[in-house]
C-alpha atoms as a PDB file:
ATOM      1  CA  UNK A   1     131.325  86.010  32.588  1.00  0.00           C
ATOM      2  CA  UNK A   2     127.861  87.281  32.008  1.00  0.00           C
ATOM      3  CA  UNK A   3     124.922  85.045  31.721  1.00  0.00           C
ATOM      4  CA  UNK A   4     121.061  85.563  31.198  1.00  0.00           C
ATOM      5  CA  UNK A   5     118.376  85.758  33.971  1.00  0.00           C
ATOM      6  CA  UNK A   6     114.870  86.825  34.061  1.00  0.00           C
ATOM      7  CA  UNK A   7     114.594  89.985  36.312  1.00  0.00           C
ATOM      8  CA  UNK A   8     111.447  91.503  37.804  1.00  0.00           C
ATOM      9  CA  UNK A   9     111.624  95.314  38.493  1.00  0.00           C
ATOM     10  CA  UNK A  10     109.321  98.135  39.411  1.00  0.00           C
ATOM     11  CA  UNK A  11     110.017 101.635  38.008  1.00  0.00           C
ATOM     12  CA  UNK A  12     109.311 104.993  39.472  1.00  0.00           C
ATOM     13  CA  UNK A  13     105.874 105.083  37.956  1.00  0.00           C
ATOM     14  CA  UNK A  14     105.028 101.780  39.839  1.00  0.00           C
ATOM     15  CA  UNK A  15     105.215  99.797  36.442  1.00  0.00           C
ATOM     16  CA  UNK A  16     106.339  96.222  36.739  1.00  0.00           C
ATOM     17  CA  UNK A  17     108.734  94.872  34.167  1.00  0.00           C
ATOM     18  CA  UNK A  18     109.787  91.155  33.686  1.00  0.00           C
ATOM     19  CA  UNK A  19     112.645  91.106  31.172  1.00  0.00           C
ATOM     20  CA  UNK A  20     115.835  89.252  30.336  1.00  0.00           C
ATOM     21  CA  UNK A  21     119.002  90.755  31.775  1.00  0.00           C
ATOM     22  CA  UNK A  22     122.647  89.803  32.137  1.00  0.00           C
ATOM     23  CA  UNK A  23     124.375  89.107  35.458  1.00  0.00           C
ATOM     24  CA  UNK A  24     127.663  87.803  36.720  1.00  0.00           C
ATOM     25  CA  UNK A  25     128.051  85.239  39.398  1.00  0.00           C
ATOM     26  CA  UNK A  26     129.563  87.946  41.726  1.00  0.00           C
ATOM     27  CA  UNK A  27     126.028  89.627  41.775  1.00  0.00           C
ATOM     28  CA  UNK A  28     124.261  86.491  42.990  1.00  0.00           C
ATOM     29  CA  UNK A  29     123.218  86.001  46.687  1.00  0.00           C
ATOM     30  CA  UNK A  30     125.583  84.420  49.033  1.00  0.00           C
ATOM     31  CA  UNK A  31     125.478  80.627  49.530  1.00  0.00           C
ATOM     32  CA  UNK A  32     127.484  77.548  49.766  1.00  0.00           C
ATOM     33  CA  UNK A  33     126.738  75.968  46.416  1.00  0.00           C
ATOM     34  CA  UNK A  34     126.796  77.562  42.984  1.00  0.00           C
ATOM     35  CA  UNK A  35     124.687  75.729  40.387  1.00  0.00           C
ATOM     36  CA  UNK A  36     124.705  75.917  36.531  1.00  0.00           C
ATOM     37  CA  UNK A  37     121.075  75.615  35.881  1.00  0.00           C
ATOM     38  CA  UNK A  38     119.918  73.251  33.104  1.00  0.00           C
ATOM     39  CA  UNK A  39     116.159  73.965  33.678  1.00  0.00           C
ATOM     40  CA  UNK A  40     113.483  75.272  36.024  1.00  0.00           C
ATOM     41  CA  UNK A  41     109.768  75.066  35.829  1.00  0.00           C
ATOM     42  CA  UNK A  42     106.823  77.398  35.845  1.00  0.00           C
ATOM     43  CA  UNK A  43     104.495  77.124  38.901  1.00  0.00           C
ATOM     44  CA  UNK A  44     101.493  79.254  39.818  1.00  0.00           C
ATOM     45  CA  UNK A  45     103.699  80.935  42.479  1.00  0.00           C
ATOM     46  CA  UNK A  46     106.180  81.814  39.818  1.00  0.00           C
ATOM     47  CA  UNK A  47     103.465  83.342  37.683  1.00  0.00           C
ATOM     48  CA  UNK A  48     102.549  85.575  40.508  1.00  0.00           C
ATOM     49  CA  UNK A  49     106.203  86.459  41.141  1.00  0.00           C
ATOM     50  CA  UNK A  50     106.545  87.544  37.521  1.00  0.00           C
ATOM     51  CA  UNK A  51     104.064  90.201  38.295  1.00  0.00           C
ATOM     52  CA  UNK A  52     105.724  91.212  41.528  1.00  0.00           C
ATOM     53  CA  UNK A  53     102.790  89.834  43.726  1.00  0.00           C
ATOM     54  CA  UNK A  54     103.787  91.238  47.156  1.00  0.00           C
ATOM     55  CA  UNK A  55     102.493  88.003  48.775  1.00  0.00           C
ATOM     56  CA  UNK A  56     105.376  86.265  46.920  1.00  0.00           C
ATOM     57  CA  UNK A  57     108.155  88.933  46.168  1.00  0.00           C
ATOM     58  CA  UNK A  58     108.944  91.136  49.107  1.00  0.00           C
ATOM     59  CA  UNK A  59     111.927  92.928  47.553  1.00  0.00           C
ATOM     60  CA  UNK A  60     112.694  94.087  43.961  1.00  0.00           C
ATOM     61  CA  UNK A  61     114.625  93.689  41.789  1.00  0.00           C
ATOM     62  CA  UNK A  62     113.906  89.767  41.849  1.00  0.00           C
ATOM     63  CA  UNK A  63     114.663  86.686  39.943  1.00  0.00           C
ATOM     64  CA  UNK A  64     111.670  84.364  40.046  1.00  0.00           C
ATOM     65  CA  UNK A  65     111.786  80.398  39.774  1.00  0.00           C
ATOM     66  CA  UNK A  66     111.001  78.328  42.921  1.00  0.00           C
ATOM     67  CA  UNK A  67     112.727  75.373  41.289  1.00  0.00           C
ATOM     68  CA  UNK A  68     115.895  74.582  39.559  1.00  0.00           C
ATOM     69  CA  UNK A  69     118.020  71.620  38.420  1.00  0.00           C
ATOM     70  CA  UNK A  70     121.563  71.411  37.109  1.00  0.00           C
ATOM     71  CA  UNK A  71     125.148  70.678  37.896  1.00  0.00           C
ATOM     72  CA  UNK A  72     127.193  72.030  40.683  1.00  0.00           C
ATOM     73  CA  UNK A  73     129.716  74.614  39.430  1.00  0.00           C
ATOM     74  CA  UNK A  74     131.367  75.237  42.730  1.00  0.00           C
ATOM     75  CA  UNK A  75     130.763  74.276  46.298  1.00  0.00           C
ATOM     76  CA  UNK A  76     132.160  75.131  49.761  1.00  0.00           C
ATOM     77  CA  UNK A  77     130.211  72.174  51.230  1.00  0.00           C
ATOM     78  CA  UNK A  78     131.674  68.759  51.556  1.00  0.00           C
ATOM     79  CA  UNK A  79     128.281  67.253  50.596  1.00  0.00           C
ATOM     80  CA  UNK A  80     128.487  68.397  47.021  1.00  0.00           C
ATOM     81  CA  UNK A  81     131.327  68.342  44.547  1.00  0.00           C
ATOM     82  CA  UNK A  82     131.718  70.067  41.179  1.00  0.00           C
ATOM     83  CA  UNK A  83     129.748  68.396  38.452  1.00  0.00           C
ATOM     84  CA  UNK A  84     127.224  66.744  40.715  1.00  0.00           C
ATOM     85  CA  UNK A  85     123.603  66.671  39.305  1.00  0.00           C
ATOM     86  CA  UNK A  86     121.327  68.430  41.887  1.00  0.00           C
ATOM     87  CA  UNK A  87     117.982  69.988  42.285  1.00  0.00           C
ATOM     88  CA  UNK A  88     116.452  72.551  44.595  1.00  0.00           C
ATOM     89  CA  UNK A  89     112.612  73.230  45.294  1.00  0.00           C
ATOM     90  CA  UNK A  90     111.236  75.239  47.868  1.00  0.00           C
ATOM     91  CA  UNK A  91     112.823  77.108  50.886  1.00  0.00           C
ATOM     92  CA  UNK A  92     113.141  80.685  49.868  1.00  0.00           C
ATOM     93  CA  UNK A  93     114.391  80.043  46.320  1.00  0.00           C
ATOM     94  CA  UNK A  94     112.367  82.375  43.812  1.00  0.00           C
ATOM     95  CA  UNK A  95     110.706  84.144  46.854  1.00  0.00           C
ATOM     96  CA  UNK A  96     113.095  86.138  49.176  1.00  0.00           C
ATOM     97  CA  UNK A  97     116.125  84.569  47.434  1.00  0.00           C
ATOM     98  CA  UNK A  98     116.850  84.988  43.769  1.00  0.00           C
ATOM     99  CA  UNK A  99     115.432  81.863  41.827  1.00  0.00           C
ATOM    100  CA  UNK A 100     115.978  79.489  39.095  1.00  0.00           C
ATOM    101  CA  UNK A 101     115.207  81.686  36.100  1.00  0.00           C
ATOM    102  CA  UNK A 102     118.794  82.310  35.665  1.00  0.00           C
ATOM    103  CA  UNK A 103     121.836  80.347  34.071  1.00  0.00           C
ATOM    104  CA  UNK A 104     123.340  80.254  37.589  1.00  0.00           C
ATOM    105  CA  UNK A 105     122.033  80.114  41.085  1.00  0.00           C
ATOM    106  CA  UNK A 106     123.793  80.301  44.438  1.00  0.00           C
ATOM    107  CA  UNK A 107     122.030  78.751  47.449  1.00  0.00           C
ATOM    108  CA  UNK A 108     122.835  77.379  51.073  1.00  0.00           C
ATOM    109  CA  UNK A 109     123.891  73.512  50.914  1.00  0.00           C
ATOM    110  CA  UNK A 110     120.911  72.511  52.995  1.00  0.00           C
ATOM    111  CA  UNK A 111     118.626  73.423  50.173  1.00  0.00           C
ATOM    112  CA  UNK A 112     120.250  71.233  47.764  1.00  0.00           C
ATOM    113  CA  UNK A 113     119.117  67.696  46.913  1.00  0.00           C
ATOM    114  CA  UNK A 114     121.273  65.292  44.967  1.00  0.00           C
ATOM    115  CA  UNK A 115     119.348  64.188  41.807  1.00  0.00           C
ATOM    116  CA  UNK A 116     117.656  60.900  42.616  1.00  0.00           C
ATOM    117  CA  UNK A 117     118.816  57.912  40.657  1.00  0.00           C
ATOM    118  CA  UNK A 118     116.435  57.183  37.774  1.00  0.00           C
ATOM    119  CA  UNK A 119     115.690  60.837  37.072  1.00  0.00           C
ATOM    120  CA  UNK A 120     117.002  63.157  34.566  1.00  0.00           C
ATOM    121  CA  UNK A 121     117.348  66.856  35.237  1.00  0.00           C
ATOM    122  CA  UNK A 122     114.379  67.715  32.937  1.00  0.00           C
ATOM    123  CA  UNK A 123     112.278  64.851  34.593  1.00  0.00           C
ATOM    124  CA  UNK A 124     112.891  66.333  37.957  1.00  0.00           C
ATOM    125  CA  UNK A 125     111.691  69.759  36.865  1.00  0.00           C
ATOM    126  CA  UNK A 126     108.723  68.206  34.971  1.00  0.00           C
ATOM    127  CA  UNK A 127     107.800  67.302  38.522  1.00  0.00           C
ATOM    128  CA  UNK A 128     109.283  70.318  40.371  1.00  0.00           C
ATOM    129  CA  UNK A 129     107.547  71.842  43.323  1.00  0.00           C
ATOM    130  CA  UNK A 130     104.222  70.850  41.796  1.00  0.00           C
ATOM    131  CA  UNK A 131     105.266  67.133  41.794  1.00  0.00           C
ATOM    132  CA  UNK A 132     106.934  67.323  45.171  1.00  0.00           C
ATOM    133  CA  UNK A 133     103.597  68.913  46.576  1.00  0.00           C
ATOM    134  CA  UNK A 134     101.506  66.192  44.796  1.00  0.00           C
ATOM    135  CA  UNK A 135     103.611  63.520  46.280  1.00  0.00           C
ATOM    136  CA  UNK A 136     103.076  64.833  49.843  1.00  0.00           C
ATOM    137  CA  UNK A 137      99.346  64.927  49.274  1.00  0.00           C
ATOM    138  CA  UNK A 138      99.349  61.378  48.111  1.00  0.00           C
ATOM    139  CA  UNK A 139     101.535  60.362  51.058  1.00  0.00           C
ATOM    140  CA  UNK A 140      99.044  62.068  53.456  1.00  0.00           C
ATOM    141  CA  UNK A 141      96.183  60.139  52.027  1.00  0.00           C
ATOM    142  CA  UNK A 142      98.118  56.852  52.308  1.00  0.00           C
ATOM    143  CA  UNK A 143      99.302  57.774  55.875  1.00  0.00           C
ATOM    144  CA  UNK A 144      95.665  58.191  56.902  1.00  0.00           C
ATOM    145  CA  UNK A 145      94.995  54.611  55.893  1.00  0.00           C
ATOM    146  CA  UNK A 146      92.918  55.357  52.817  1.00  0.00           C
ATOM    147  CA  UNK A 147      92.840  52.200  50.566  1.00  0.00           C
ATOM    148  CA  UNK A 148      92.248  52.330  46.799  1.00  0.00           C
ATOM    149  CA  UNK A 149      89.208  49.973  47.139  1.00  0.00           C
ATOM    150  CA  UNK A 150      87.404  52.282  49.519  1.00  0.00           C
ATOM    151  CA  UNK A 151      85.972  54.722  47.171  1.00  0.00           C
ATOM    152  CA  UNK A 152      86.562  57.744  44.978  1.00  0.00           C
ATOM    153  CA  UNK A 153      89.278  60.209  45.622  1.00  0.00           C
ATOM    154  CA  UNK A 154      88.609  63.706  44.155  1.00  0.00           C
ATOM    155  CA  UNK A 155      91.254  66.037  42.872  1.00  0.00           C
ATOM    156  CA  UNK A 156      90.475  69.785  42.193  1.00  0.00           C
ATOM    157  CA  UNK A 157      92.482  72.028  39.897  1.00  0.00           C
ATOM    158  CA  UNK A 158      93.207  68.750  38.100  1.00  0.00           C
ATOM    159  CA  UNK A 159      94.742  70.354  34.897  1.00  0.00           C
ATOM    160  CA  UNK A 160      97.319  72.288  36.982  1.00  0.00           C
ATOM    161  CA  UNK A 161     100.758  71.061  37.999  1.00  0.00           C
ATOM    162  CA  UNK A 162      99.781  69.752  41.522  1.00  0.00           C
ATOM    163  CA  UNK A 163      96.392  68.512  40.444  1.00  0.00           C
ATOM    164  CA  UNK A 164      97.536  66.682  37.197  1.00  0.00           C
ATOM    165  CA  UNK A 165     100.538  64.965  38.845  1.00  0.00           C
ATOM    166  CA  UNK A 166      98.197  63.980  41.890  1.00  0.00           C
ATOM    167  CA  UNK A 167      95.793  62.321  39.388  1.00  0.00           C
ATOM    168  CA  UNK A 168      98.624  60.392  37.618  1.00  0.00           C
ATOM    169  CA  UNK A 169     100.108  59.134  40.883  1.00  0.00           C
ATOM    170  CA  UNK A 170      96.778  58.217  42.507  1.00  0.00           C
ATOM    171  CA  UNK A 171      95.669  56.368  39.263  1.00  0.00           C
ATOM    172  CA  UNK A 172      98.948  54.475  39.151  1.00  0.00           C
ATOM    173  CA  UNK A 173      98.432  53.389  42.716  1.00  0.00           C
ATOM    174  CA  UNK A 174      95.010  52.003  41.946  1.00  0.00           C
ATOM    175  CA  UNK A 175      92.747  54.741  43.227  1.00  0.00           C
ATOM    176  CA  UNK A 176      89.461  55.772  41.700  1.00  0.00           C
ATOM    177  CA  UNK A 177      90.259  59.340  40.769  1.00  0.00           C
ATOM    178  CA  UNK A 178      87.527  62.045  39.977  1.00  0.00           C
ATOM    179  CA  UNK A 179      89.313  65.054  38.489  1.00  0.00           C
ATOM    180  CA  UNK A 180      87.612  68.324  38.810  1.00  0.00           C
ATOM    181  CA  UNK A 181      88.322  71.097  36.266  1.00  0.00           C
ATOM    182  CA  UNK A 182      86.882  74.248  34.663  1.00  0.00           C
ATOM    183  CA  UNK A 183      88.410  73.194  31.362  1.00  0.00           C
ATOM    184  CA  UNK A 184      86.101  70.537  29.769  1.00  0.00           C
ATOM    185  CA  UNK A 185      88.151  70.543  26.681  1.00  0.00           C
ATOM    186  CA  UNK A 186      90.982  68.871  28.552  1.00  0.00           C
ATOM    187  CA  UNK A 187      88.924  65.985  29.669  1.00  0.00           C
ATOM    188  CA  UNK A 188      90.886  63.539  27.405  1.00  0.00           C
ATOM    189  CA  UNK A 189      94.073  64.906  28.957  1.00  0.00           C
ATOM    190  CA  UNK A 190      92.790  64.003  32.425  1.00  0.00           C
ATOM    191  CA  UNK A 191      91.622  60.600  31.223  1.00  0.00           C
ATOM    192  CA  UNK A 192      94.977  59.942  29.800  1.00  0.00           C
ATOM    193  CA  UNK A 193      96.524  60.589  33.304  1.00  0.00           C
ATOM    194  CA  UNK A 194      94.118  57.934  34.677  1.00  0.00           C
ATOM    195  CA  UNK A 195      91.055  59.888  35.907  1.00  0.00           C
ATOM    196  CA  UNK A 196      87.950  57.638  36.065  1.00  0.00           C
ATOM    197  CA  UNK A 197      85.625  60.479  35.564  1.00  0.00           C
ATOM    198  CA  UNK A 198      85.979  64.302  34.893  1.00  0.00           C
ATOM    199  CA  UNK A 199      83.809  66.784  36.770  1.00  0.00           C
ATOM    200  CA  UNK A 200      82.855  70.296  36.330  1.00  0.00           C
ATOM    201  CA  UNK A 201      83.850  72.923  39.013  1.00  0.00           C
ATOM    202  CA  UNK A 202      80.207  73.452  40.021  1.00  0.00           C
ATOM    203  CA  UNK A 203      80.001  69.823  41.238  1.00  0.00           C
ATOM    204  CA  UNK A 204      82.378  70.828  44.154  1.00  0.00           C
ATOM    205  CA  UNK A 205      81.065  74.237  44.694  1.00  0.00           C
ATOM    206  CA  UNK A 206      77.980  73.951  46.889  1.00  0.00           C
ATOM    207  CA  UNK A 207      76.468  77.257  48.120  1.00  0.00           C
ATOM    208  CA  UNK A 208      73.568  75.871  50.161  1.00  0.00           C
ATOM    209  CA  UNK A 209      75.207  76.779  53.554  1.00  0.00           C
ATOM    210  CA  UNK A 210      74.508  73.266  54.737  1.00  0.00           C
ATOM    211  CA  UNK A 211      76.648  72.143  57.418  1.00  0.00           C
ATOM    212  CA  UNK A 212      77.046  68.587  55.968  1.00  0.00           C
ATOM    213  CA  UNK A 213      76.302  67.215  52.461  1.00  0.00           C
ATOM    214  CA  UNK A 214      75.881  63.733  51.220  1.00  0.00           C
ATOM    215  CA  UNK A 215      78.997  61.703  51.676  1.00  0.00           C
ATOM    216  CA  UNK A 216      80.679  61.186  48.341  1.00  0.00           C
ATOM    217  CA  UNK A 217      84.472  61.060  48.728  1.00  0.00           C
ATOM    218  CA  UNK A 218      86.898  58.792  50.714  1.00  0.00           C
ATOM    219  CA  UNK A 219      89.652  61.311  50.208  1.00  0.00           C
ATOM    220  CA  UNK A 220      90.725  64.392  48.252  1.00  0.00           C
ATOM    221  CA  UNK A 221      93.548  66.467  47.009  1.00  0.00           C
ATOM    222  CA  UNK A 222      92.482  70.162  46.923  1.00  0.00           C
ATOM    223  CA  UNK A 223      94.601  72.692  45.133  1.00  0.00           C
ATOM    224  CA  UNK A 224      92.144  75.586  45.144  1.00  0.00           C
ATOM    225  CA  UNK A 225      90.829  76.240  48.734  1.00  0.00           C
ATOM    226  CA  UNK A 226      87.830  78.501  49.349  1.00  0.00           C
ATOM    227  CA  UNK A 227      84.269  77.154  48.933  1.00  0.00           C
ATOM    228  CA  UNK A 228      85.348  74.178  46.773  1.00  0.00           C
ATOM    229  CA  UNK A 229      87.451  73.005  49.901  1.00  0.00           C
ATOM    230  CA  UNK A 230      84.448  73.636  52.040  1.00  0.00           C
ATOM    231  CA  UNK A 231      82.250  71.686  49.780  1.00  0.00           C
ATOM    232  CA  UNK A 232      84.637  68.702  49.562  1.00  0.00           C
ATOM    233  CA  UNK A 233      85.092  68.606  53.476  1.00  0.00           C
ATOM    234  CA  UNK A 234      81.313  68.587  53.935  1.00  0.00           C
ATOM    235  CA  UNK A 235      80.854  65.684  51.434  1.00  0.00           C
ATOM    236  CA  UNK A 236      83.916  63.495  52.554  1.00  0.00           C
ATOM    237  CA  UNK A 237      83.117  60.007  53.860  1.00  0.00           C
ATOM    238  CA  UNK A 238      83.425  59.054  57.510  1.00  0.00           C
ATOM    239  CA  UNK A 239      87.143  59.076  58.531  1.00  0.00           C
ATOM    240  CA  UNK A 240      88.096  60.429  55.199  1.00  0.00           C
ATOM    241  CA  UNK A 241      91.017  62.411  54.399  1.00  0.00           C
ATOM    242  CA  UNK A 242      91.477  65.818  52.660  1.00  0.00           C
ATOM    243  CA  UNK A 243      95.022  67.159  51.671  1.00  0.00           C
ATOM    244  CA  UNK A 244      94.911  70.908  50.987  1.00  0.00           C
ATOM    245  CA  UNK A 245      97.682  72.807  49.358  1.00  0.00           C
ATOM    246  CA  UNK A 246      96.273  75.937  47.411  1.00  0.00           C
ATOM    247  CA  UNK A 247      94.017  78.922  47.449  1.00  0.00           C
ATOM    248  CA  UNK A 248      93.308  79.852  43.900  1.00  0.00           C
ATOM    249  CA  UNK A 249      89.465  79.814  44.778  1.00  0.00           C
ATOM    250  CA  UNK A 250      90.171  81.819  48.003  1.00  0.00           C
ATOM    251  CA  UNK A 251      91.865  81.821  51.354  1.00  0.00           C
ATOM    252  CA  UNK A 252      88.783  81.627  53.470  1.00  0.00           C
ATOM    253  CA  UNK A 253      86.999  78.447  54.432  1.00  0.00           C
ATOM    254  CA  UNK A 254      83.258  78.868  55.111  1.00  0.00           C
ATOM    255  CA  UNK A 255      82.728  75.836  57.354  1.00  0.00           C
ATOM    256  CA  UNK A 256      81.463  74.467  60.620  1.00  0.00           C
ATOM    257  CA  UNK A 257      83.137  72.000  62.736  1.00  0.00           C
ATOM    258  CA  UNK A 258      80.600  69.221  61.824  1.00  0.00           C
ATOM    259  CA  UNK A 259      82.735  67.351  59.232  1.00  0.00           C
ATOM    260  CA  UNK A 260      85.438  67.053  61.786  1.00  0.00           C
ATOM    261  CA  UNK A 261      83.319  66.095  64.952  1.00  0.00           C
ATOM    262  CA  UNK A 262      80.503  64.097  63.295  1.00  0.00           C
ATOM    263  CA  UNK A 263      82.426  62.361  60.520  1.00  0.00           C
ATOM    264  CA  UNK A 264      85.998  62.425  61.734  1.00  0.00           C
ATOM    265  CA  UNK A 265      87.123  63.877  58.535  1.00  0.00           C
ATOM    266  CA  UNK A 266      90.955  64.763  58.589  1.00  0.00           C
ATOM    267  CA  UNK A 267      92.056  68.053  56.990  1.00  0.00           C
ATOM    268  CA  UNK A 268      95.824  67.889  56.173  1.00  0.00           C
ATOM    269  CA  UNK A 269      97.665  71.009  55.322  1.00  0.00           C
ATOM    270  CA  UNK A 270     100.488  70.456  52.816  1.00  0.00           C
ATOM    271  CA  UNK A 271     103.426  72.978  52.855  1.00  0.00           C
ATOM    272  CA  UNK A 272     106.410  72.451  50.422  1.00  0.00           C
ATOM    273  CA  UNK A 273     108.720  75.220  51.076  1.00  0.00           C
ATOM    274  CA  UNK A 274     109.842  74.245  54.536  1.00  0.00           C
ATOM    275  CA  UNK A 275     109.297  70.436  54.325  1.00  0.00           C
ATOM    276  CA  UNK A 276     111.678  68.501  56.728  1.00  0.00           C
ATOM    277  CA  UNK A 277     114.646  67.248  54.786  1.00  0.00           C
ATOM    278  CA  UNK A 278     113.931  63.608  55.644  1.00  0.00           C
ATOM    279  CA  UNK A 279     110.471  63.736  54.229  1.00  0.00           C
ATOM    280  CA  UNK A 280     111.715  65.820  51.132  1.00  0.00           C
ATOM    281  CA  UNK A 281     114.386  63.047  50.348  1.00  0.00           C
ATOM    282  CA  UNK A 282     111.629  60.341  50.649  1.00  0.00           C
ATOM    283  CA  UNK A 283     109.169  62.109  48.296  1.00  0.00           C
ATOM    284  CA  UNK A 284     111.988  62.547  45.802  1.00  0.00           C
ATOM    285  CA  UNK A 285     112.840  58.816  46.106  1.00  0.00           C
ATOM    286  CA  UNK A 286     109.233  57.813  45.449  1.00  0.00           C
ATOM    287  CA  UNK A 287     108.721  60.154  42.477  1.00  0.00           C
ATOM    288  CA  UNK A 288     111.883  58.500  40.998  1.00  0.00           C
ATOM    289  CA  UNK A 289     110.789  54.975  41.544  1.00  0.00           C
ATOM    290  CA  UNK A 290     107.428  53.566  42.419  1.00  0.00           C
ATOM    291  CA  UNK A 291     105.491  56.751  41.841  1.00  0.00           C
ATOM    292  CA  UNK A 292     107.352  57.671  38.533  1.00  0.00           C
ATOM    293  CA  UNK A 293     104.958  58.942  35.922  1.00  0.00           C
ATOM    294  CA  UNK A 294     106.193  58.302  32.462  1.00  0.00           C
ATOM    295  CA  UNK A 295     103.386  60.075  30.637  1.00  0.00           C
ATOM    296  CA  UNK A 296     103.965  63.495  32.030  1.00  0.00           C
ATOM    297  CA  UNK A 297     106.608  64.334  29.240  1.00  0.00           C
ATOM    298  CA  UNK A 298     103.642  64.131  26.822  1.00  0.00           C
ATOM    299  CA  UNK A 299     102.011  67.010  28.432  1.00  0.00           C
ATOM    300  CA  UNK A 300     104.994  69.317  29.111  1.00  0.00           C
ATOM    301  CA  UNK A 301     106.083  72.276  27.122  1.00  0.00           C
ATOM    302  CA  UNK A 302     109.411  74.074  27.220  1.00  0.00           C
ATOM    303  CA  UNK A 303     109.930  77.785  27.099  1.00  0.00           C
ATOM    304  CA  UNK A 304     112.886  80.143  27.134  1.00  0.00           C
ATOM    305  CA  UNK A 305     113.450  83.060  29.539  1.00  0.00           C
ATOM    306  CA  UNK A 306     111.870  85.455  26.906  1.00  0.00           C
ATOM    307  CA  UNK A 307     108.791  83.271  26.840  1.00  0.00           C
ATOM    308  CA  UNK A 308     108.147  82.957  30.461  1.00  0.00           C
ATOM    309  CA  UNK A 309     106.237  86.318  31.190  1.00  0.00           C
ATOM    310  CA  UNK A 310     103.629  85.501  28.361  1.00  0.00           C
ATOM    311  CA  UNK A 311     103.233  81.953  29.618  1.00  0.00           C
ATOM    312  CA  UNK A 312     102.862  83.116  33.221  1.00  0.00           C
ATOM    313  CA  UNK A 313     100.002  85.565  32.190  1.00  0.00           C
ATOM    314  CA  UNK A 314      98.225  82.660  30.439  1.00  0.00           C
ATOM    315  CA  UNK A 315      98.607  80.421  33.483  1.00  0.00           C
ATOM    316  CA  UNK A 316      97.117  83.226  35.689  1.00  0.00           C
ATOM    317  CA  UNK A 317      94.246  83.417  33.246  1.00  0.00           C
ATOM    318  CA  UNK A 318      93.627  79.762  33.456  1.00  0.00           C
ATOM    319  CA  UNK A 319      94.657  79.038  29.836  1.00  0.00           C
ATOM    320  CA  UNK A 320      97.474  76.460  30.543  1.00  0.00           C
ATOM    321  CA  UNK A 321      97.546  72.758  31.614  1.00  0.00           C
ATOM    322  CA  UNK A 322     100.181  70.218  32.274  1.00  0.00           C
ATOM    323  CA  UNK A 323     103.718  71.266  32.994  1.00  0.00           C
ATOM    324  CA  UNK A 324     106.129  73.951  31.813  1.00  0.00           C
ATOM    325  CA  UNK A 325     109.868  73.568  31.739  1.00  0.00           C
ATOM    326  CA  UNK A 326     111.885  76.884  31.686  1.00  0.00           C
ATOM    327  CA  UNK A 327     115.437  76.915  30.016  1.00  0.00           C
ATOM    328  CA  UNK A 328     117.721  79.645  31.116  1.00  0.00           C
ATOM    329  CA  UNK A 329     118.407  80.683  27.725  1.00  0.00           C
ATOM    330  CA  UNK A 330     117.246  83.639  25.537  1.00  0.00           C
END
């Protein structure tokens, strides 16, 4: 049986193509669980993969999609039965392993998570890796003992997937959220998610070279890295916590040790692909229950496989906001 997928290739002239093709299940990578995909999502990493970015995709041809949700079609694992609703985020899906932009995927059983009670497949992918990452960021702030009444929490890249879901979860938990964005036209969107104030990018992009700045934040979720992350660390309160998970603004961190040894600021790195299973299951439990964000559906668009490439280019150009679901249909 042939089914559609989105395949990235490079031709002899080094031109990259990202087009819909047909596959059979026999052509899929080896694995314990075959999943009939209901939906996936579009993340920044996926947008890069659609352009064959070598930092994401090492081998071509390749099927992007670091997330997927659907029903088990076949399983050699006793943990999953045919018909079970499941999801997969992270590990090597959509990176070294063919991903979720396909009507079927086959993966190792230990990558698969049973769909949490209280979530539909679409809702799970409305979160996707972005929501899973945001949940870990919020958990890091809570684990550090930062209480909602202690001051402002700043979120960078706030209109993106991780940023917007972080804003919503933090606001739901009672934190005073300051959302940073380069898209002032999306201020109403951020306020609807719960942001107390919306800040321009330059407010967290100090180039003075000062080792420390005036204390401003009790905690932060940084999705962009580079100088904005440096600025936030230099302006975080004593014993504050900064959860960092991205590098859209750069991978280098121009900084001294002063925020750490004079203010005791904690910098917590958030990785999602190799997150331990126990933590992974707990984050999904929270997203399905006490951290559930009903309003995200209002800011989610749905695209088909043929529309992914165009939407990915718009994401890389900074012209998207909220979340994008991907249906494995033409």
